[in-house]
Amino acid sequence: TCFLYGGASVKQEGGLHGNNDVWLLELKNGDSSSSQIKAKWTQLHKDGDANSPPGRNAATLTQLFSCPSSLLEEDDDEEGALYFLLSGGWYPFRTTYNDDFVLKVTPPSSSS
């Protein structure tokens, strides 16, 4: 399993656009008769959300195995949630970022 944040895409009028989307890549072994690995991409967050960090590429996204309480909002620590630190990167050919954000990924709620 791998989470990906951002990247860049070509704008229709030329140049590059820094994306702020989030994707999940899941790799699974094929059935017992095949040695192939199956890949499944799921978009968790669409590009363009104003409540997200600015779009960027060349950033790092590192899993935090324990999230410091100073980075969490009150009552924000959910059981099973994963936390990642997004650091730096740049908006293509315009801005270099020296900032950090915490990405929280919560497991889907199970329905009975």
Foldseek 3Di string as FASTA:
>chain_A
DDKDAWDWDADPVGDIFFWGWMKDWDWAADDPVDRDIDIDIDTPGGTDDPVTPGGFPPKDKAWDPDDPVVQADPPRDDPQKTKIKTAWGAGPPPGTDGDIHIDIDHDDDDDD
